């Protein structure tokens, strides 16, 4: 996330097309990244904000995940970012044998249950907001995570079956 440095778009043009405004993108100290891990069994989320997406911050996040789950093996399913598979991250994982790393196929992010939680998180914490700085993004992340964790439920991949249809009237034709 970057603090907004441009005016918001008015929405739709008179001829019915969506107006697109160019995003003022820059790499600087104002950029903030949000890391997230989903405990599928109970629906609890662990989040952390960072100023960069590098191996050091990723390892710090994995340390938080390990501290939040004190017993048993931890299976981390992640995308193919270079910081997730760097030499330093692999060395760190060797020192933490409880954490098992797996990668989703390229172009198949929908296989990761974390993506569903991220959609809810973005809607709760980030949608429609303008942040003045990284501190506000961190506060919004912390508050949204706490609110979503209060009503967390186990995550199930897929969609429930539609309810069976009950007919009100049955007609019998007699010939």
C-alpha atoms as a PDB file:
ATOM      1  CA  UNK A   1       0.000   0.000   0.000  1.00  0.00           C
ATOM      2  CA  UNK A   2       1.121   3.514  -0.728  1.00  0.00           C
ATOM      3  CA  UNK A   3      -0.415   6.611   0.796  1.00  0.00           C
ATOM      4  CA  UNK A   4      -2.601   8.238  -1.863  1.00  0.00           C
ATOM      5  CA  UNK A   5      -0.908  11.188  -3.562  1.00  0.00           C
ATOM      6  CA  UNK A   6      -3.530  11.794  -6.237  1.00  0.00           C
ATOM      7  CA  UNK A   7      -7.157  12.929  -6.142  1.00  0.00           C
ATOM      8  CA  UNK A   8      -9.764  10.179  -6.188  1.00  0.00           C
ATOM      9  CA  UNK A   9     -11.476   9.375  -9.468  1.00  0.00           C
ATOM     10  CA  UNK A  10     -14.933  10.888  -9.986  1.00  0.00           C
ATOM     11  CA  UNK A  11     -16.255   7.488 -11.102  1.00  0.00           C
ATOM     12  CA  UNK A  12     -17.984   7.316 -14.475  1.00  0.00           C
ATOM     13  CA  UNK A  13     -17.732   9.500 -17.555  1.00  0.00           C
ATOM     14  CA  UNK A  14     -20.870  11.022 -19.168  1.00  0.00           C
ATOM     15  CA  UNK A  15     -20.771   8.404 -21.964  1.00  0.00           C
ATOM     16  CA  UNK A  16     -20.819   5.510 -19.452  1.00  0.00           C
ATOM     17  CA  UNK A  17     -17.153   4.463 -19.377  1.00  0.00           C
ATOM     18  CA  UNK A  18     -15.217   4.091 -16.171  1.00  0.00           C
ATOM     19  CA  UNK A  19     -12.692   6.881 -15.696  1.00  0.00           C
ATOM     20  CA  UNK A  20      -9.173   5.657 -15.093  1.00  0.00           C
ATOM     21  CA  UNK A  21      -6.630   7.795 -13.308  1.00  0.00           C
ATOM     22  CA  UNK A  22      -2.976   6.976 -13.330  1.00  0.00           C
ATOM     23  CA  UNK A  23      -1.610   5.764 -10.032  1.00  0.00           C
ATOM     24  CA  UNK A  24       1.324   7.747  -8.700  1.00  0.00           C
ATOM     25  CA  UNK A  25       3.636   4.808  -8.070  1.00  0.00           C
ATOM     26  CA  UNK A  26       7.039   5.237  -6.526  1.00  0.00           C
ATOM     27  CA  UNK A  27       9.501   3.169  -4.596  1.00  0.00           C
ATOM     28  CA  UNK A  28      10.262   5.016  -1.449  1.00  0.00           C
ATOM     29  CA  UNK A  29      10.138   4.937   2.326  1.00  0.00           C
ATOM     30  CA  UNK A  30       6.353   5.372   2.328  1.00  0.00           C
ATOM     31  CA  UNK A  31       5.554   1.921   0.898  1.00  0.00           C
ATOM     32  CA  UNK A  32       4.023  -0.574   3.329  1.00  0.00           C
ATOM     33  CA  UNK A  33       3.476  -4.294   2.747  1.00  0.00           C
ATOM     34  CA  UNK A  34       1.072  -6.478   4.707  1.00  0.00           C
ATOM     35  CA  UNK A  35       2.033 -10.091   5.431  1.00  0.00           C
ATOM     36  CA  UNK A  36      -0.697 -12.509   6.469  1.00  0.00           C
ATOM     37  CA  UNK A  37      -1.038 -16.133   7.571  1.00  0.00           C
ATOM     38  CA  UNK A  38      -4.322 -17.993   7.986  1.00  0.00           C
ATOM     39  CA  UNK A  39      -4.818 -20.811  10.502  1.00  0.00           C
ATOM     40  CA  UNK A  40      -7.347 -22.827   8.542  1.00  0.00           C
ATOM     41  CA  UNK A  41      -8.503 -24.938  11.500  1.00  0.00           C
ATOM     42  CA  UNK A  42      -9.934 -22.041  13.494  1.00  0.00           C
ATOM     43  CA  UNK A  43      -9.894 -19.152  10.996  1.00  0.00           C
ATOM     44  CA  UNK A  44      -7.496 -17.006  13.031  1.00  0.00           C
ATOM     45  CA  UNK A  45      -5.191 -14.690  11.103  1.00  0.00           C
ATOM     46  CA  UNK A  46      -1.698 -13.465  11.907  1.00  0.00           C
ATOM     47  CA  UNK A  47      -0.649 -10.223  10.198  1.00  0.00           C
ATOM     48  CA  UNK A  48       2.404  -8.015  10.115  1.00  0.00           C
ATOM     49  CA  UNK A  49       3.265  -4.838   8.226  1.00  0.00           C
ATOM     50  CA  UNK A  50       6.696  -4.237   6.757  1.00  0.00           C
ATOM     51  CA  UNK A  51       8.431  -1.534   4.766  1.00  0.00           C
ATOM     52  CA  UNK A  52       9.826  -4.041   2.259  1.00  0.00           C
ATOM     53  CA  UNK A  53       9.122  -7.474   0.773  1.00  0.00           C
ATOM     54  CA  UNK A  54      12.526  -8.987   1.364  1.00  0.00           C
ATOM     55  CA  UNK A  55      13.828 -12.158   2.999  1.00  0.00           C
ATOM     56  CA  UNK A  56      14.540 -10.491   6.351  1.00  0.00           C
ATOM     57  CA  UNK A  57      10.934  -9.313   6.832  1.00  0.00           C
ATOM     58  CA  UNK A  58       9.565 -12.636   5.554  1.00  0.00           C
ATOM     59  CA  UNK A  59      11.679 -14.522   8.090  1.00  0.00           C
ATOM     60  CA  UNK A  60      10.530 -12.146  10.831  1.00  0.00           C
ATOM     61  CA  UNK A  61       6.939 -12.893   9.837  1.00  0.00           C
ATOM     62  CA  UNK A  62       7.585 -16.661   9.891  1.00  0.00           C
ATOM     63  CA  UNK A  63       9.002 -16.200  13.398  1.00  0.00           C
ATOM     64  CA  UNK A  64       5.734 -14.531  14.460  1.00  0.00           C
ATOM     65  CA  UNK A  65       3.766 -17.421  12.947  1.00  0.00           C
ATOM     66  CA  UNK A  66       5.911 -19.921  14.820  1.00  0.00           C
ATOM     67  CA  UNK A  67       5.390 -18.063  18.108  1.00  0.00           C
ATOM     68  CA  UNK A  68       1.614 -17.897  17.537  1.00  0.00           C
ATOM     69  CA  UNK A  69       1.407 -21.674  17.006  1.00  0.00           C
ATOM     70  CA  UNK A  70       3.399 -23.156  19.913  1.00  0.00           C
ATOM     71  CA  UNK A  71       2.938 -26.871  19.184  1.00  0.00           C
ATOM     72  CA  UNK A  72       2.856 -29.153  16.157  1.00  0.00           C
ATOM     73  CA  UNK A  73       3.985 -28.817  12.591  1.00  0.00           C
ATOM     74  CA  UNK A  74       3.268 -25.666  10.602  1.00  0.00           C
ATOM     75  CA  UNK A  75       2.568 -25.903   6.882  1.00  0.00           C
ATOM     76  CA  UNK A  76       3.137 -22.648   5.011  1.00  0.00           C
ATOM     77  CA  UNK A  77       1.645 -22.498   1.516  1.00  0.00           C
ATOM     78  CA  UNK A  78       2.962 -19.479  -0.339  1.00  0.00           C
ATOM     79  CA  UNK A  79       3.432 -17.977  -3.766  1.00  0.00           C
ATOM     80  CA  UNK A  80       6.710 -18.036  -5.685  1.00  0.00           C
ATOM     81  CA  UNK A  81       8.180 -14.719  -4.573  1.00  0.00           C
ATOM     82  CA  UNK A  82      11.968 -14.666  -4.534  1.00  0.00           C
ATOM     83  CA  UNK A  83      12.074 -13.816  -0.820  1.00  0.00           C
ATOM     84  CA  UNK A  84      10.093 -16.988  -0.060  1.00  0.00           C
ATOM     85  CA  UNK A  85      12.711 -19.200  -1.722  1.00  0.00           C
ATOM     86  CA  UNK A  86      15.941 -17.258  -1.168  1.00  0.00           C
ATOM     87  CA  UNK A  87      19.096 -18.861   0.186  1.00  0.00           C
ATOM     88  CA  UNK A  88      18.756 -17.049   3.521  1.00  0.00           C
ATOM     89  CA  UNK A  89      15.099 -18.121   3.877  1.00  0.00           C
ATOM     90  CA  UNK A  90      15.955 -21.750   3.103  1.00  0.00           C
ATOM     91  CA  UNK A  91      18.767 -21.617   5.681  1.00  0.00           C
ATOM     92  CA  UNK A  92      16.351 -20.109   8.217  1.00  0.00           C
ATOM     93  CA  UNK A  93      13.829 -22.877   7.519  1.00  0.00           C
ATOM     94  CA  UNK A  94      16.529 -25.518   8.109  1.00  0.00           C
ATOM     95  CA  UNK A  95      16.927 -24.131  11.641  1.00  0.00           C
ATOM     96  CA  UNK A  96      13.131 -24.308  12.200  1.00  0.00           C
ATOM     97  CA  UNK A  97      12.130 -27.881  11.283  1.00  0.00           C
ATOM     98  CA  UNK A  98       8.502 -27.438  12.439  1.00  0.00           C
ATOM     99  CA  UNK A  99       7.810 -25.162   9.464  1.00  0.00           C
ATOM    100  CA  UNK A 100       7.191 -26.955   6.177  1.00  0.00           C
ATOM    101  CA  UNK A 101       7.198 -24.782   3.083  1.00  0.00           C
ATOM    102  CA  UNK A 102       5.099 -25.435  -0.016  1.00  0.00           C
ATOM    103  CA  UNK A 103       4.497 -23.356  -3.122  1.00  0.00           C
ATOM    104  CA  UNK A 104       1.289 -22.944  -5.106  1.00  0.00           C
ATOM    105  CA  UNK A 105       1.559 -23.327  -8.889  1.00  0.00           C
ATOM    106  CA  UNK A 106       2.237 -20.149 -10.855  1.00  0.00           C
ATOM    107  CA  UNK A 107      -1.054 -18.584 -11.955  1.00  0.00           C
ATOM    108  CA  UNK A 108      -3.187 -20.531  -9.469  1.00  0.00           C
ATOM    109  CA  UNK A 109      -3.486 -18.185  -6.489  1.00  0.00           C
ATOM    110  CA  UNK A 110      -7.113 -19.288  -6.053  1.00  0.00           C
ATOM    111  CA  UNK A 111      -5.751 -22.546  -4.577  1.00  0.00           C
ATOM    112  CA  UNK A 112      -4.505 -20.656  -1.512  1.00  0.00           C
ATOM    113  CA  UNK A 113      -7.180 -20.199   1.182  1.00  0.00           C
ATOM    114  CA  UNK A 114      -5.328 -17.089   2.351  1.00  0.00           C
ATOM    115  CA  UNK A 115      -6.613 -15.259  -0.746  1.00  0.00           C
ATOM    116  CA  UNK A 116     -10.215 -15.492   0.493  1.00  0.00           C
ATOM    117  CA  UNK A 117      -9.259 -14.059   3.853  1.00  0.00           C
ATOM    118  CA  UNK A 118      -7.251 -11.305   2.119  1.00  0.00           C
ATOM    119  CA  UNK A 119     -10.361 -10.256   0.215  1.00  0.00           C
ATOM    120  CA  UNK A 120     -12.249  -9.845   3.501  1.00  0.00           C
ATOM    121  CA  UNK A 121      -9.270  -8.073   5.065  1.00  0.00           C
ATOM    122  CA  UNK A 122      -8.903  -5.578   2.204  1.00  0.00           C
ATOM    123  CA  UNK A 123     -12.609  -4.807   2.415  1.00  0.00           C
ATOM    124  CA  UNK A 124     -12.490  -4.319   6.205  1.00  0.00           C
ATOM    125  CA  UNK A 125      -9.203  -2.437   6.516  1.00  0.00           C
ATOM    126  CA  UNK A 126      -8.257  -0.802   3.250  1.00  0.00           C
ATOM    127  CA  UNK A 127     -11.217  -0.295   0.912  1.00  0.00           C
ATOM    128  CA  UNK A 128     -12.080   3.328   0.242  1.00  0.00           C
ATOM    129  CA  UNK A 129      -9.497   4.725   2.617  1.00  0.00           C
ATOM    130  CA  UNK A 130      -6.612   7.114   2.117  1.00  0.00           C
ATOM    131  CA  UNK A 131      -3.703   6.681   4.493  1.00  0.00           C
ATOM    132  CA  UNK A 132      -1.386   9.515   5.443  1.00  0.00           C
ATOM    133  CA  UNK A 133       1.513   7.216   6.289  1.00  0.00           C
ATOM    134  CA  UNK A 134       2.707   3.737   7.220  1.00  0.00           C
ATOM    135  CA  UNK A 135       1.578   4.164  10.834  1.00  0.00           C
ATOM    136  CA  UNK A 136      -2.052   4.520   9.739  1.00  0.00           C
ATOM    137  CA  UNK A 137      -1.771   1.415   7.539  1.00  0.00           C
ATOM    138  CA  UNK A 138      -0.321  -0.511  10.468  1.00  0.00           C
ATOM    139  CA  UNK A 139      -3.149   0.655  12.760  1.00  0.00           C
ATOM    140  CA  UNK A 140      -5.809  -0.272  10.187  1.00  0.00           C
ATOM    141  CA  UNK A 141      -4.165  -3.688   9.732  1.00  0.00           C
ATOM    142  CA  UNK A 142      -4.064  -4.379  13.468  1.00  0.00           C
ATOM    143  CA  UNK A 143      -7.675  -3.285  14.049  1.00  0.00           C
ATOM    144  CA  UNK A 144      -9.094  -5.181  11.062  1.00  0.00           C
ATOM    145  CA  UNK A 145      -7.211  -8.343  12.040  1.00  0.00           C
ATOM    146  CA  UNK A 146      -8.552  -8.154  15.600  1.00  0.00           C
ATOM    147  CA  UNK A 147     -12.110  -7.572  14.384  1.00  0.00           C
ATOM    148  CA  UNK A 148     -11.992 -10.408  11.854  1.00  0.00           C
ATOM    149  CA  UNK A 149     -10.384 -12.784  14.377  1.00  0.00           C
ATOM    150  CA  UNK A 150     -13.268 -12.153  16.829  1.00  0.00           C
ATOM    151  CA  UNK A 151     -15.717 -13.724  14.391  1.00  0.00           C
ATOM    152  CA  UNK A 152     -13.356 -16.263  12.841  1.00  0.00           C
ATOM    153  CA  UNK A 153     -14.598 -19.696  11.807  1.00  0.00           C
ATOM    154  CA  UNK A 154     -12.793 -22.672  10.265  1.00  0.00           C
ATOM    155  CA  UNK A 155     -12.094 -22.234   6.545  1.00  0.00           C
ATOM    156  CA  UNK A 156     -13.350 -24.809   4.091  1.00  0.00           C
ATOM    157  CA  UNK A 157     -12.186 -24.760   0.509  1.00  0.00           C
ATOM    158  CA  UNK A 158     -15.030 -24.779  -1.985  1.00  0.00           C
ATOM    159  CA  UNK A 159     -18.633 -23.811  -2.051  1.00  0.00           C
ATOM    160  CA  UNK A 160     -21.399 -25.522  -0.067  1.00  0.00           C
ATOM    161  CA  UNK A 161     -23.910 -27.569  -2.028  1.00  0.00           C
ATOM    162  CA  UNK A 162     -27.102 -25.728  -2.949  1.00  0.00           C
ATOM    163  CA  UNK A 163     -30.128 -26.567  -0.817  1.00  0.00           C
ATOM    164  CA  UNK A 164     -32.438 -29.238  -2.138  1.00  0.00           C
ATOM    165  CA  UNK A 165     -35.529 -27.911  -3.794  1.00  0.00           C
ATOM    166  CA  UNK A 166     -38.855 -28.781  -2.174  1.00  0.00           C
ATOM    167  CA  UNK A 167     -41.859 -28.612  -4.452  1.00  0.00           C
ATOM    168  CA  UNK A 168     -44.951 -27.064  -2.932  1.00  0.00           C
ATOM    169  CA  UNK A 169     -47.518 -28.792  -5.060  1.00  0.00           C
ATOM    170  CA  UNK A 170     -47.502 -32.159  -6.666  1.00  0.00           C
ATOM    171  CA  UNK A 171     -49.889 -32.692  -9.461  1.00  0.00           C
ATOM    172  CA  UNK A 172     -51.193 -36.096 -10.413  1.00  0.00           C
ATOM    173  CA  UNK A 173     -52.641 -36.565 -13.813  1.00  0.00           C
ATOM    174  CA  UNK A 174     -55.267 -39.232 -14.193  1.00  0.00           C
ATOM    175  CA  UNK A 175     -56.021 -40.491 -17.659  1.00  0.00           C
END
